[in-house]
Amino acid sequence: MDEDLEAGLEEKPGHKDHVDHSDNDLSFRALEPVNVSIHSLTVDIDISPAGIAALSSALKRRKDAAATTRKRILDNVNVDMPSGSLTAILGGSGSGKTTMLHALSHRISGGRL
């Protein structure tokens, strides 16, 4: 029975247990370190109703359907992330962590989320 186990452990033709990554040109060493600084980041969003709800709401209020209601969800955020440091973004639910990352990566377009 030991012979069967040893036979199963032999290297099979064409099978590699180790993947060679020596020809991979991607390396973080090739990148220059950067400091990231954010000063006075403010994000306002449009919370007015959209579409048919906007028309119905405007008729009820007898106001212009194009009127918008805005809400500030990030107000004057300042962050410094020096190169070579590990930065954690901590905060409670709804505190704006994801909104800040979306704003920094230009994923927020227009005034609606």
PDB file of N, CA and C in Angstrom:
ATOM      1  N   MET A   1       0.813  -1.184   0.000  1.00  0.00           N
ATOM      2  CA  MET A   1       0.000   0.000   0.000  1.00  0.00           C
ATOM      3  C   MET A   1       0.859   1.251   0.000  1.00  0.00           C
ATOM      4  N   ASP A   2       2.007   1.250   0.683  1.00  0.00           N
ATOM      5  CA  ASP A   2       2.904   2.399   0.690  1.00  0.00           C
ATOM      6  C   ASP A   2       3.394   2.723  -0.704  1.00  0.00           C
ATOM      7  N   GLU A   3       3.580   1.682  -1.533  1.00  0.00           N
ATOM      8  CA  GLU A   3       4.021   1.905  -2.901  1.00  0.00           C
ATOM      9  C   GLU A   3       2.965   2.680  -3.685  1.00  0.00           C
ATOM     10  N   ASP A   4       1.677   2.396  -3.434  1.00  0.00           N
ATOM     11  CA  ASP A   4       0.595   3.112  -4.112  1.00  0.00           C
ATOM     12  C   ASP A   4       0.605   4.592  -3.720  1.00  0.00           C
ATOM     13  N   LEU A   5       0.828   4.874  -2.436  1.00  0.00           N
ATOM     14  CA  LEU A   5       0.876   6.257  -1.985  1.00  0.00           C
ATOM     15  C   LEU A   5       2.057   6.992  -2.598  1.00  0.00           C
ATOM     16  N   GLU A   6       3.226   6.328  -2.629  1.00  0.00           N
ATOM     17  CA  GLU A   6       4.408   6.960  -3.200  1.00  0.00           C
ATOM     18  C   GLU A   6       4.234   7.179  -4.697  1.00  0.00           C
ATOM     19  N   ALA A   7       3.571   6.272  -5.376  1.00  0.00           N
ATOM     20  CA  ALA A   7       3.341   6.407  -6.813  1.00  0.00           C
ATOM     21  C   ALA A   7       2.428   7.600  -7.086  1.00  0.00           C
ATOM     22  N   GLY A   8       1.464   7.843  -6.198  1.00  0.00           N
ATOM     23  CA  GLY A   8       0.565   8.975  -6.367  1.00  0.00           C
ATOM     24  C   GLY A   8       1.267  10.301  -6.145  1.00  0.00           C
ATOM     25  N   LEU A   9       2.373  10.315  -5.421  1.00  0.00           N
ATOM     26  CA  LEU A   9       3.105  11.533  -5.137  1.00  0.00           C
ATOM     27  C   LEU A   9       4.146  11.864  -6.199  1.00  0.00           C
ATOM     28  N   GLU A  10       4.388  10.933  -7.121  1.00  0.00           N
ATOM     29  CA  GLU A  10       5.363  11.199  -8.161  1.00  0.00           C
ATOM     30  C   GLU A  10       4.868  12.325  -9.060  1.00  0.00           C
ATOM     31  N   GLU A  11       5.807  13.090  -9.613  1.00  0.00           N
ATOM     32  CA  GLU A  11       5.436  14.197 -10.502  1.00  0.00           C
ATOM     33  C   GLU A  11       4.910  13.645 -11.800  1.00  0.00           C
ATOM     34  N   LYS A  12       3.777  14.153 -12.196  1.00  0.00           N
ATOM     35  CA  LYS A  12       3.136  13.710 -13.431  1.00  0.00           C
ATOM     36  C   LYS A  12       3.677  14.542 -14.584  1.00  0.00           C
ATOM     37  N   PRO A  13       3.839  13.950 -15.766  1.00  0.00           N
ATOM     38  CA  PRO A  13       4.342  14.709 -16.915  1.00  0.00           C
ATOM     39  C   PRO A  13       3.428  15.894 -17.244  1.00  0.00           C
ATOM     40  N   GLY A  14       4.026  17.060 -17.507  1.00  0.00           N
ATOM     41  CA  GLY A  14       3.270  18.240 -17.882  1.00  0.00           C
ATOM     42  C   GLY A  14       2.607  18.946 -16.703  1.00  0.00           C
ATOM     43  N   HIS A  15       2.790  18.448 -15.501  1.00  0.00           N
ATOM     44  CA  HIS A  15       2.159  19.047 -14.322  1.00  0.00           C
ATOM     45  C   HIS A  15       3.216  19.822 -13.541  1.00  0.00           C
ATOM     46  N   LYS A  16       2.908  21.064 -13.211  1.00  0.00           N
ATOM     47  CA  LYS A  16       3.834  21.890 -12.435  1.00  0.00           C
ATOM     48  C   LYS A  16       3.183  22.235 -11.104  1.00  0.00           C
ATOM     49  N   ASP A  17       3.907  22.001 -10.015  1.00  0.00           N
ATOM     50  CA  ASP A  17       3.420  22.415  -8.703  1.00  0.00           C
ATOM     51  C   ASP A  17       3.794  23.864  -8.432  1.00  0.00           C
ATOM     52  N   HIS A  18       4.775  24.368  -9.157  1.00  0.00           N
ATOM     53  CA  HIS A  18       5.263  25.726  -8.941  1.00  0.00           C
ATOM     54  C   HIS A  18       5.065  26.524 -10.220  1.00  0.00           C
ATOM     55  N   VAL A  19       4.466  27.682 -10.109  1.00  0.00           N
ATOM     56  CA  VAL A  19       4.266  28.552 -11.267  1.00  0.00           C
ATOM     57  C   VAL A  19       5.410  29.546 -11.293  1.00  0.00           C
ATOM     58  N   ASP A  20       6.087  29.656 -12.413  1.00  0.00           N
ATOM     59  CA  ASP A  20       7.220  30.556 -12.550  1.00  0.00           C
ATOM     60  C   ASP A  20       6.735  31.954 -12.905  1.00  0.00           C
ATOM     61  N   HIS A  21       6.989  32.909 -12.012  1.00  0.00           N
ATOM     62  CA  HIS A  21       6.581  34.290 -12.239  1.00  0.00           C
ATOM     63  C   HIS A  21       7.780  35.176 -12.575  1.00  0.00           C
ATOM     64  N   SER A  22       8.906  34.604 -12.905  1.00  0.00           N
ATOM     65  CA  SER A  22      10.107  35.401 -13.117  1.00  0.00           C
ATOM     66  C   SER A  22      10.009  36.299 -14.351  1.00  0.00           C
ATOM     67  N   ASP A  23       9.141  35.979 -15.306  1.00  0.00           N
ATOM     68  CA  ASP A  23       9.015  36.810 -16.500  1.00  0.00           C
ATOM     69  C   ASP A  23       7.930  37.880 -16.349  1.00  0.00           C
ATOM     70  N   ASN A  24       7.336  38.000 -15.171  1.00  0.00           N
ATOM     71  CA  ASN A  24       6.298  38.994 -14.923  1.00  0.00           C
ATOM     72  C   ASN A  24       6.946  40.361 -14.743  1.00  0.00           C
ATOM     73  N   ASP A  25       6.552  41.340 -15.582  1.00  0.00           N
ATOM     74  CA  ASP A  25       7.169  42.663 -15.546  1.00  0.00           C
ATOM     75  C   ASP A  25       6.526  43.596 -14.519  1.00  0.00           C
ATOM     76  N   LEU A  26       5.408  43.217 -13.938  1.00  0.00           N
ATOM     77  CA  LEU A  26       4.717  44.075 -12.988  1.00  0.00           C
ATOM     78  C   LEU A  26       5.390  43.983 -11.627  1.00  0.00           C
ATOM     79  N   SER A  27       5.774  45.129 -11.109  1.00  0.00           N
ATOM     80  CA  SER A  27       6.420  45.174  -9.803  1.00  0.00           C
ATOM     81  C   SER A  27       6.107  46.509  -9.153  1.00  0.00           C
ATOM     82  N   PHE A  28       5.813  46.489  -7.861  1.00  0.00           N
ATOM     83  CA  PHE A  28       5.577  47.734  -7.147  1.00  0.00           C
ATOM     84  C   PHE A  28       6.877  48.511  -6.953  1.00  0.00           C
ATOM     85  N   ARG A  29       7.987  47.857  -7.091  1.00  0.00           N
ATOM     86  CA  ARG A  29       9.275  48.545  -6.963  1.00  0.00           C
ATOM     87  C   ARG A  29       9.489  49.531  -8.107  1.00  0.00           C
ATOM     88  N   ALA A  30       8.804  49.304  -9.230  1.00  0.00           N
ATOM     89  CA  ALA A  30       8.971  50.173 -10.388  1.00  0.00           C
ATOM     90  C   ALA A  30       8.187  51.481 -10.243  1.00  0.00           C
ATOM     91  N   LEU A  31       7.334  51.582  -9.241  1.00  0.00           N
ATOM     92  CA  LEU A  31       6.514  52.769  -9.052  1.00  0.00           C
ATOM     93  C   LEU A  31       7.187  53.738  -8.092  1.00  0.00           C
ATOM     94  N   GLU A  32       7.054  55.005  -8.393  1.00  0.00           N
ATOM     95  CA  GLU A  32       7.570  56.028  -7.486  1.00  0.00           C
ATOM     96  C   GLU A  32       6.586  56.201  -6.331  1.00  0.00           C
ATOM     97  N   PRO A  33       7.070  56.323  -5.115  1.00  0.00           N
ATOM     98  CA  PRO A  33       6.169  56.564  -3.991  1.00  0.00           C
ATOM     99  C   PRO A  33       5.493  57.930  -4.120  1.00  0.00           C
ATOM    100  N   VAL A  34       4.258  58.009  -3.679  1.00  0.00           N
ATOM    101  CA  VAL A  34       3.519  59.271  -3.743  1.00  0.00           C
ATOM    102  C   VAL A  34       2.895  59.573  -2.386  1.00  0.00           C
ATOM    103  N   ASN A  35       2.744  60.836  -2.115  1.00  0.00           N
ATOM    104  CA  ASN A  35       1.990  61.291  -0.960  1.00  0.00           C
ATOM    105  C   ASN A  35       0.616  61.704  -1.470  1.00  0.00           C
ATOM    106  N   VAL A  36      -0.426  61.315  -0.760  1.00  0.00           N
ATOM    107  CA  VAL A  36      -1.783  61.689  -1.141  1.00  0.00           C
ATOM    108  C   VAL A  36      -2.309  62.657  -0.093  1.00  0.00           C
ATOM    109  N   SER A  37      -2.731  63.819  -0.548  1.00  0.00           N
ATOM    110  CA  SER A  37      -3.312  64.836   0.336  1.00  0.00           C
ATOM    111  C   SER A  37      -4.640  65.288  -0.227  1.00  0.00           C
ATOM    112  N   ILE A  38      -5.628  65.350   0.632  1.00  0.00           N
ATOM    113  CA  ILE A  38      -6.957  65.812   0.248  1.00  0.00           C
ATOM    114  C   ILE A  38      -7.267  67.001   1.141  1.00  0.00           C
ATOM    115  N   HIS A  39      -7.659  68.109   0.527  1.00  0.00           N
ATOM    116  CA  HIS A  39      -7.956  69.312   1.290  1.00  0.00           C
ATOM    117  C   HIS A  39      -9.345  69.823   0.926  1.00  0.00           C
ATOM    118  N   SER A  40     -10.165  70.013   1.923  1.00  0.00           N
ATOM    119  CA  SER A  40     -11.494  70.617   1.777  1.00  0.00           C
ATOM    120  C   SER A  40     -12.400  69.865   0.806  1.00  0.00           C
ATOM    121  N   LEU A  41     -12.449  68.537   0.918  1.00  0.00           N
ATOM    122  CA  LEU A  41     -13.345  67.738   0.078  1.00  0.00           C
ATOM    123  C   LEU A  41     -14.771  67.881   0.607  1.00  0.00           C
ATOM    124  N   THR A  42     -15.660  68.366  -0.249  1.00  0.00           N
ATOM    125  CA  THR A  42     -17.067  68.535   0.099  1.00  0.00           C
ATOM    126  C   THR A  42     -17.901  67.894  -0.997  1.00  0.00           C
ATOM    127  N   VAL A  43     -18.883  67.088  -0.606  1.00  0.00           N
ATOM    128  CA  VAL A  43     -19.765  66.433  -1.569  1.00  0.00           C
ATOM    129  C   VAL A  43     -21.205  66.762  -1.195  1.00  0.00           C
ATOM    130  N   ASP A  44     -21.928  67.351  -2.153  1.00  0.00           N
ATOM    131  CA  ASP A  44     -23.352  67.625  -2.020  1.00  0.00           C
ATOM    132  C   ASP A  44     -24.090  66.756  -3.030  1.00  0.00           C
ATOM    133  N   ILE A  45     -25.227  66.212  -2.633  1.00  0.00           N
ATOM    134  CA  ILE A  45     -26.018  65.399  -3.561  1.00  0.00           C
ATOM    135  C   ILE A  45     -27.417  65.975  -3.698  1.00  0.00           C
ATOM    136  N   ASP A  46     -28.041  65.655  -4.812  1.00  0.00           N
ATOM    137  CA  ASP A  46     -29.412  66.069  -5.110  1.00  0.00           C
ATOM    138  C   ASP A  46     -30.346  65.019  -4.526  1.00  0.00           C
ATOM    139  N   ILE A  47     -31.165  65.408  -3.556  1.00  0.00           N
ATOM    140  CA  ILE A  47     -32.091  64.454  -2.948  1.00  0.00           C
ATOM    141  C   ILE A  47     -33.541  64.744  -3.346  1.00  0.00           C
ATOM    142  N   SER A  48     -33.713  65.648  -4.307  1.00  0.00           N
ATOM    143  CA  SER A  48     -35.080  65.930  -4.759  1.00  0.00           C
ATOM    144  C   SER A  48     -35.607  64.719  -5.520  1.00  0.00           C
ATOM    145  N   PRO A  49     -36.915  64.507  -5.528  1.00  0.00           N
ATOM    146  CA  PRO A  49     -37.484  63.364  -6.241  1.00  0.00           C
ATOM    147  C   PRO A  49     -37.172  63.447  -7.735  1.00  0.00           C
ATOM    148  N   ALA A  50     -37.086  62.299  -8.372  1.00  0.00           N
ATOM    149  CA  ALA A  50     -36.783  62.246  -9.805  1.00  0.00           C
ATOM    150  C   ALA A  50     -37.981  61.688 -10.571  1.00  0.00           C
ATOM    151  N   GLY A  51     -38.063  62.016 -11.844  1.00  0.00           N
ATOM    152  CA  GLY A  51     -39.079  61.455 -12.731  1.00  0.00           C
ATOM    153  C   GLY A  51     -40.489  61.840 -12.361  1.00  0.00           C
ATOM    154  N   ILE A  52     -41.404  60.872 -12.400  1.00  0.00           N
ATOM    155  CA  ILE A  52     -42.813  61.112 -12.119  1.00  0.00           C
ATOM    156  C   ILE A  52     -43.005  61.563 -10.679  1.00  0.00           C
ATOM    157  N   ALA A  53     -42.198  61.029  -9.774  1.00  0.00           N
ATOM    158  CA  ALA A  53     -42.293  61.440  -8.373  1.00  0.00           C
ATOM    159  C   ALA A  53     -42.000  62.927  -8.241  1.00  0.00           C
ATOM    160  N   ALA A  54     -41.089  63.464  -9.042  1.00  0.00           N
ATOM    161  CA  ALA A  54     -40.763  64.888  -9.001  1.00  0.00           C
ATOM    162  C   ALA A  54     -41.952  65.714  -9.475  1.00  0.00           C
ATOM    163  N   LEU A  55     -42.605  65.278 -10.531  1.00  0.00           N
ATOM    164  CA  LEU A  55     -43.765  65.996 -11.054  1.00  0.00           C
ATOM    165  C   LEU A  55     -44.908  65.995 -10.046  1.00  0.00           C
ATOM    166  N   SER A  56     -45.175  64.835  -9.478  1.00  0.00           N
ATOM    167  CA  SER A  56     -46.253  64.732  -8.499  1.00  0.00           C
ATOM    168  C   SER A  56     -45.938  65.558  -7.255  1.00  0.00           C
ATOM    169  N   SER A  57     -44.691  65.524  -6.810  1.00  0.00           N
ATOM    170  CA  SER A  57     -44.282  66.309  -5.645  1.00  0.00           C
ATOM    171  C   SER A  57     -44.398  67.801  -5.938  1.00  0.00           C
ATOM    172  N   ALA A  58     -44.015  68.228  -7.142  1.00  0.00           N
ATOM    173  CA  ALA A  58     -44.083  69.644  -7.519  1.00  0.00           C
ATOM    174  C   ALA A  58     -45.530  70.115  -7.582  1.00  0.00           C
ATOM    175  N   LEU A  59     -46.404  69.262  -8.088  1.00  0.00           N
ATOM    176  CA  LEU A  59     -47.821  69.637  -8.156  1.00  0.00           C
ATOM    177  C   LEU A  59     -48.412  69.799  -6.757  1.00  0.00           C
ATOM    178  N   LYS A  60     -48.002  68.926  -5.852  1.00  0.00           N
ATOM    179  CA  LYS A  60     -48.491  69.015  -4.481  1.00  0.00           C
ATOM    180  C   LYS A  60     -47.999  70.291  -3.809  1.00  0.00           C
ATOM    181  N   ARG A  61     -46.754  70.634  -4.073  1.00  0.00           N
ATOM    182  CA  ARG A  61     -46.169  71.821  -3.444  1.00  0.00           C
ATOM    183  C   ARG A  61     -46.409  73.078  -4.275  1.00  0.00           C
ATOM    184  N   ARG A  62     -46.900  72.894  -5.498  1.00  0.00           N
ATOM    185  CA  ARG A  62     -47.123  73.991  -6.447  1.00  0.00           C
ATOM    186  C   ARG A  62     -45.844  74.795  -6.683  1.00  0.00           C
ATOM    187  N   LYS A  63     -44.746  74.058  -6.859  1.00  0.00           N
ATOM    188  CA  LYS A  63     -43.461  74.692  -7.153  1.00  0.00           C
ATOM    189  C   LYS A  63     -42.951  74.174  -8.479  1.00  0.00           C
ATOM    190  N   ASP A  64     -41.869  74.750  -8.908  1.00  0.00           N
ATOM    191  CA  ASP A  64     -41.224  74.351 -10.162  1.00  0.00           C
ATOM    192  C   ASP A  64     -40.717  72.914 -10.053  1.00  0.00           C
ATOM    193  N   ALA A  65     -41.006  72.105 -11.087  1.00  0.00           N
ATOM    194  CA  ALA A  65     -40.565  70.706 -11.093  1.00  0.00           C
ATOM    195  C   ALA A  65     -39.048  70.594 -11.166  1.00  0.00           C
ATOM    196  N   ALA A  66     -38.387  71.657 -11.619  1.00  0.00           N
ATOM    197  CA  ALA A  66     -36.926  71.604 -11.749  1.00  0.00           C
ATOM    198  C   ALA A  66     -36.208  71.982 -10.454  1.00  0.00           C
ATOM    199  N   ALA A  67     -36.948  72.383  -9.428  1.00  0.00           N
ATOM    200  CA  ALA A  67     -36.316  72.762  -8.164  1.00  0.00           C
ATOM    201  C   ALA A  67     -35.620  71.550  -7.551  1.00  0.00           C
ATOM    202  N   THR A  68     -34.452  71.771  -7.014  1.00  0.00           N
ATOM    203  CA  THR A  68     -33.689  70.671  -6.426  1.00  0.00           C
ATOM    204  C   THR A  68     -33.477  70.916  -4.940  1.00  0.00           C
ATOM    205  N   THR A  69     -33.379  69.828  -4.221  1.00  0.00           N
ATOM    206  CA  THR A  69     -33.039  69.867  -2.817  1.00  0.00           C
ATOM    207  C   THR A  69     -31.695  69.173  -2.672  1.00  0.00           C
ATOM    208  N   ARG A  70     -30.748  69.851  -2.057  1.00  0.00           N
ATOM    209  CA  ARG A  70     -29.403  69.298  -1.943  1.00  0.00           C
ATOM    210  C   ARG A  70     -29.092  68.976  -0.487  1.00  0.00           C
ATOM    211  N   LYS A  71     -28.274  67.954  -0.299  1.00  0.00           N
ATOM    212  CA  LYS A  71     -27.849  67.554   1.037  1.00  0.00           C
ATOM    213  C   LYS A  71     -26.340  67.382   1.033  1.00  0.00           C
ATOM    214  N   ARG A  72     -25.671  67.957   1.998  1.00  0.00           N
ATOM    215  CA  ARG A  72     -24.216  67.833   2.123  1.00  0.00           C
ATOM    216  C   ARG A  72     -23.917  66.550   2.886  1.00  0.00           C
ATOM    217  N   ILE A  73     -23.166  65.632   2.237  1.00  0.00           N
ATOM    218  CA  ILE A  73     -22.845  64.374   2.903  1.00  0.00           C
ATOM    219  C   ILE A  73     -21.383  64.279   3.317  1.00  0.00           C
ATOM    220  N   LEU A  74     -20.521  65.083   2.712  1.00  0.00           N
ATOM    221  CA  LEU A  74     -19.142  65.240   3.193  1.00  0.00           C
ATOM    222  C   LEU A  74     -18.873  66.731   3.276  1.00  0.00           C
ATOM    223  N   ASP A  75     -18.344  67.179   4.391  1.00  0.00           N
ATOM    224  CA  ASP A  75     -18.148  68.606   4.598  1.00  0.00           C
ATOM    225  C   ASP A  75     -16.724  68.893   5.051  1.00  0.00           C
ATOM    226  N   ASN A  76     -15.946  69.481   4.147  1.00  0.00           N
ATOM    227  CA  ASN A  76     -14.602  69.952   4.458  1.00  0.00           C
ATOM    228  C   ASN A  76     -13.700  68.856   5.030  1.00  0.00           C
ATOM    229  N   VAL A  77     -13.567  67.739   4.297  1.00  0.00           N
ATOM    230  CA  VAL A  77     -12.745  66.606   4.727  1.00  0.00           C
ATOM    231  C   VAL A  77     -11.302  66.865   4.317  1.00  0.00           C
ATOM    232  N   ASN A  78     -10.374  66.666   5.252  1.00  0.00           N
ATOM    233  CA  ASN A  78      -8.939  66.818   4.999  1.00  0.00           C
ATOM    234  C   ASN A  78      -8.240  65.525   5.385  1.00  0.00           C
ATOM    235  N   VAL A  79      -7.388  65.012   4.492  1.00  0.00           N
ATOM    236  CA  VAL A  79      -6.695  63.750   4.728  1.00  0.00           C
ATOM    237  C   VAL A  79      -5.265  63.870   4.216  1.00  0.00           C
ATOM    238  N   ASP A  80      -4.312  63.329   4.967  1.00  0.00           N
ATOM    239  CA  ASP A  80      -2.926  63.202   4.507  1.00  0.00           C
ATOM    240  C   ASP A  80      -2.519  61.746   4.625  1.00  0.00           C
ATOM    241  N   MET A  81      -2.080  61.166   3.505  1.00  0.00           N
ATOM    242  CA  MET A  81      -1.618  59.781   3.480  1.00  0.00           C
ATOM    243  C   MET A  81      -0.198  59.770   2.927  1.00  0.00           C
ATOM    244  N   PRO A  82       0.803  59.798   3.806  1.00  0.00           N
ATOM    245  CA  PRO A  82       2.187  59.834   3.334  1.00  0.00           C
ATOM    246  C   PRO A  82       2.604  58.511   2.695  1.00  0.00           C
ATOM    247  N   SER A  83       3.531  58.584   1.760  1.00  0.00           N
ATOM    248  CA  SER A  83       4.015  57.373   1.095  1.00  0.00           C
ATOM    249  C   SER A  83       4.647  56.451   2.136  1.00  0.00           C
ATOM    250  N   GLY A  84       4.512  55.172   1.906  1.00  0.00           N
ATOM    251  CA  GLY A  84       5.086  54.186   2.806  1.00  0.00           C
ATOM    252  C   GLY A  84       4.239  53.908   4.032  1.00  0.00           C
ATOM    253  N   SER A  85       3.046  54.497   4.102  1.00  0.00           N
ATOM    254  CA  SER A  85       2.194  54.268   5.267  1.00  0.00           C
ATOM    255  C   SER A  85       0.972  53.458   4.862  1.00  0.00           C
ATOM    256  N   LEU A  86       0.413  52.776   5.828  1.00  0.00           N
ATOM    257  CA  LEU A  86      -0.828  52.036   5.625  1.00  0.00           C
ATOM    258  C   LEU A  86      -1.944  52.873   6.230  1.00  0.00           C
ATOM    259  N   THR A  87      -2.961  53.163   5.450  1.00  0.00           N
ATOM    260  CA  THR A  87      -4.038  54.028   5.902  1.00  0.00           C
ATOM    261  C   THR A  87      -5.333  53.237   5.970  1.00  0.00           C
ATOM    262  N   ALA A  88      -6.019  53.319   7.097  1.00  0.00           N
ATOM    263  CA  ALA A  88      -7.324  52.687   7.261  1.00  0.00           C
ATOM    264  C   ALA A  88      -8.373  53.792   7.336  1.00  0.00           C
ATOM    265  N   ILE A  89      -9.492  53.568   6.678  1.00  0.00           N
ATOM    266  CA  ILE A  89     -10.596  54.526   6.720  1.00  0.00           C
ATOM    267  C   ILE A  89     -11.661  53.909   7.614  1.00  0.00           C
ATOM    268  N   LEU A  90     -11.824  54.492   8.783  1.00  0.00           N
ATOM    269  CA  LEU A  90     -12.736  53.954   9.786  1.00  0.00           C
ATOM    270  C   LEU A  90     -13.890  54.914  10.023  1.00  0.00           C
ATOM    271  N   GLY A  91     -15.044  54.369  10.312  1.00  0.00           N
ATOM    272  CA  GLY A  91     -16.202  55.187  10.646  1.00  0.00           C
ATOM    273  C   GLY A  91     -17.442  54.333  10.714  1.00  0.00           C
ATOM    274  N   GLY A  92     -18.440  54.849  11.350  1.00  0.00           N
ATOM    275  CA  GLY A  92     -19.696  54.136  11.496  1.00  0.00           C
ATOM    276  C   GLY A  92     -20.454  54.037  10.185  1.00  0.00           C
ATOM    277  N   SER A  93     -21.522  53.266  10.221  1.00  0.00           N
ATOM    278  CA  SER A  93     -22.375  53.107   9.057  1.00  0.00           C
ATOM    279  C   SER A  93     -22.955  54.460   8.652  1.00  0.00           C
ATOM    280  N   GLY A  94     -22.822  54.797   7.369  1.00  0.00           N
ATOM    281  CA  GLY A  94     -23.374  56.055   6.875  1.00  0.00           C
ATOM    282  C   GLY A  94     -22.507  57.273   7.132  1.00  0.00           C
ATOM    283  N   SER A  95     -21.263  57.063   7.540  1.00  0.00           N
ATOM    284  CA  SER A  95     -20.398  58.206   7.862  1.00  0.00           C
ATOM    285  C   SER A  95     -19.689  58.799   6.646  1.00  0.00           C
ATOM    286  N   GLY A  96     -19.775  58.152   5.476  1.00  0.00           N
ATOM    287  CA  GLY A  96     -19.215  58.725   4.261  1.00  0.00           C
ATOM    288  C   GLY A  96     -17.926  58.093   3.769  1.00  0.00           C
ATOM    289  N   LYS A  97     -17.550  56.936   4.301  1.00  0.00           N
ATOM    290  CA  LYS A  97     -16.302  56.275   3.886  1.00  0.00           C
ATOM    291  C   LYS A  97     -16.322  55.953   2.391  1.00  0.00           C
ATOM    292  N   THR A  98     -17.366  55.290   1.944  1.00  0.00           N
ATOM    293  CA  THR A  98     -17.467  54.897   0.537  1.00  0.00           C
ATOM    294  C   THR A  98     -17.657  56.114  -0.353  1.00  0.00           C
ATOM    295  N   THR A  99     -18.421  57.083   0.106  1.00  0.00           N
ATOM    296  CA  THR A  99     -18.620  58.307  -0.676  1.00  0.00           C
ATOM    297  C   THR A  99     -17.293  59.012  -0.895  1.00  0.00           C
ATOM    298  N   MET A 100     -16.439  59.063   0.128  1.00  0.00           N
ATOM    299  CA  MET A 100     -15.134  59.695  -0.028  1.00  0.00           C
ATOM    300  C   MET A 100     -14.301  58.952  -1.078  1.00  0.00           C
ATOM    301  N   LEU A 101     -14.296  57.632  -1.028  1.00  0.00           N
ATOM    302  CA  LEU A 101     -13.531  56.855  -2.013  1.00  0.00           C
ATOM    303  C   LEU A 101     -14.098  57.031  -3.417  1.00  0.00           C
ATOM    304  N   HIS A 102     -15.429  57.088  -3.533  1.00  0.00           N
ATOM    305  CA  HIS A 102     -16.045  57.320  -4.845  1.00  0.00           C
ATOM    306  C   HIS A 102     -15.683  58.707  -5.378  1.00  0.00           C
ATOM    307  N   ALA A 103     -15.678  59.699  -4.521  1.00  0.00           N
ATOM    308  CA  ALA A 103     -15.319  61.058  -4.947  1.00  0.00           C
ATOM    309  C   ALA A 103     -13.862  61.107  -5.399  1.00  0.00           C
ATOM    310  N   LEU A 104     -12.980  60.441  -4.673  1.00  0.00           N
ATOM    311  CA  LEU A 104     -11.558  60.441  -5.032  1.00  0.00           C
ATOM    312  C   LEU A 104     -11.288  59.704  -6.336  1.00  0.00           C
ATOM    313  N   SER A 105     -12.090  58.679  -6.623  1.00  0.00           N
ATOM    314  CA  SER A 105     -11.890  57.902  -7.851  1.00  0.00           C
ATOM    315  C   SER A 105     -12.765  58.391  -8.995  1.00  0.00           C
ATOM    316  N   HIS A 106     -13.415  59.553  -8.820  1.00  0.00           N
ATOM    317  CA  HIS A 106     -14.260  60.174  -9.847  1.00  0.00           C
ATOM    318  C   HIS A 106     -15.409  59.273 -10.289  1.00  0.00           C
ATOM    319  N   ARG A 107     -15.972  58.510  -9.366  1.00  0.00           N
ATOM    320  CA  ARG A 107     -17.120  57.653  -9.677  1.00  0.00           C
ATOM    321  C   ARG A 107     -18.445  58.367  -9.454  1.00  0.00           C
ATOM    322  N   ILE A 108     -18.397  59.541  -8.841  1.00  0.00           N
ATOM    323  CA  ILE A 108     -19.616  60.314  -8.656  1.00  0.00           C
ATOM    324  C   ILE A 108     -19.714  61.296  -9.809  1.00  0.00           C
ATOM    325  N   SER A 109     -20.768  61.145 -10.603  1.00  0.00           N
ATOM    326  CA  SER A 109     -20.967  62.086 -11.704  1.00  0.00           C
ATOM    327  C   SER A 109     -22.337  62.716 -11.538  1.00  0.00           C
ATOM    328  N   GLY A 110     -22.421  63.986 -11.812  1.00  0.00           N
ATOM    329  CA  GLY A 110     -23.672  64.684 -11.585  1.00  0.00           C
ATOM    330  C   GLY A 110     -23.879  64.887 -10.098  1.00  0.00           C
ATOM    331  N   GLY A 111     -25.109  65.065  -9.702  1.00  0.00           N
ATOM    332  CA  GLY A 111     -25.373  65.311  -8.300  1.00  0.00           C
ATOM    333  C   GLY A 111     -26.129  64.192  -7.618  1.00  0.00           C
ATOM    334  N   ARG A 112     -26.304  63.067  -8.304  1.00  0.00           N
ATOM    335  CA  ARG A 112     -27.053  61.949  -7.725  1.00  0.00           C
ATOM    336  C   ARG A 112     -26.148  60.752  -7.498  1.00  0.00           C
ATOM    337  N   LEU A 113     -26.443  60.035  -6.425  1.00  0.00           N
ATOM    338  CA  LEU A 113     -25.688  58.801  -6.156  1.00  0.00           C
ATOM    339  C   LEU A 113     -26.395  57.614  -6.752  1.00  0.00           C
TER     340      LEU A 113
END
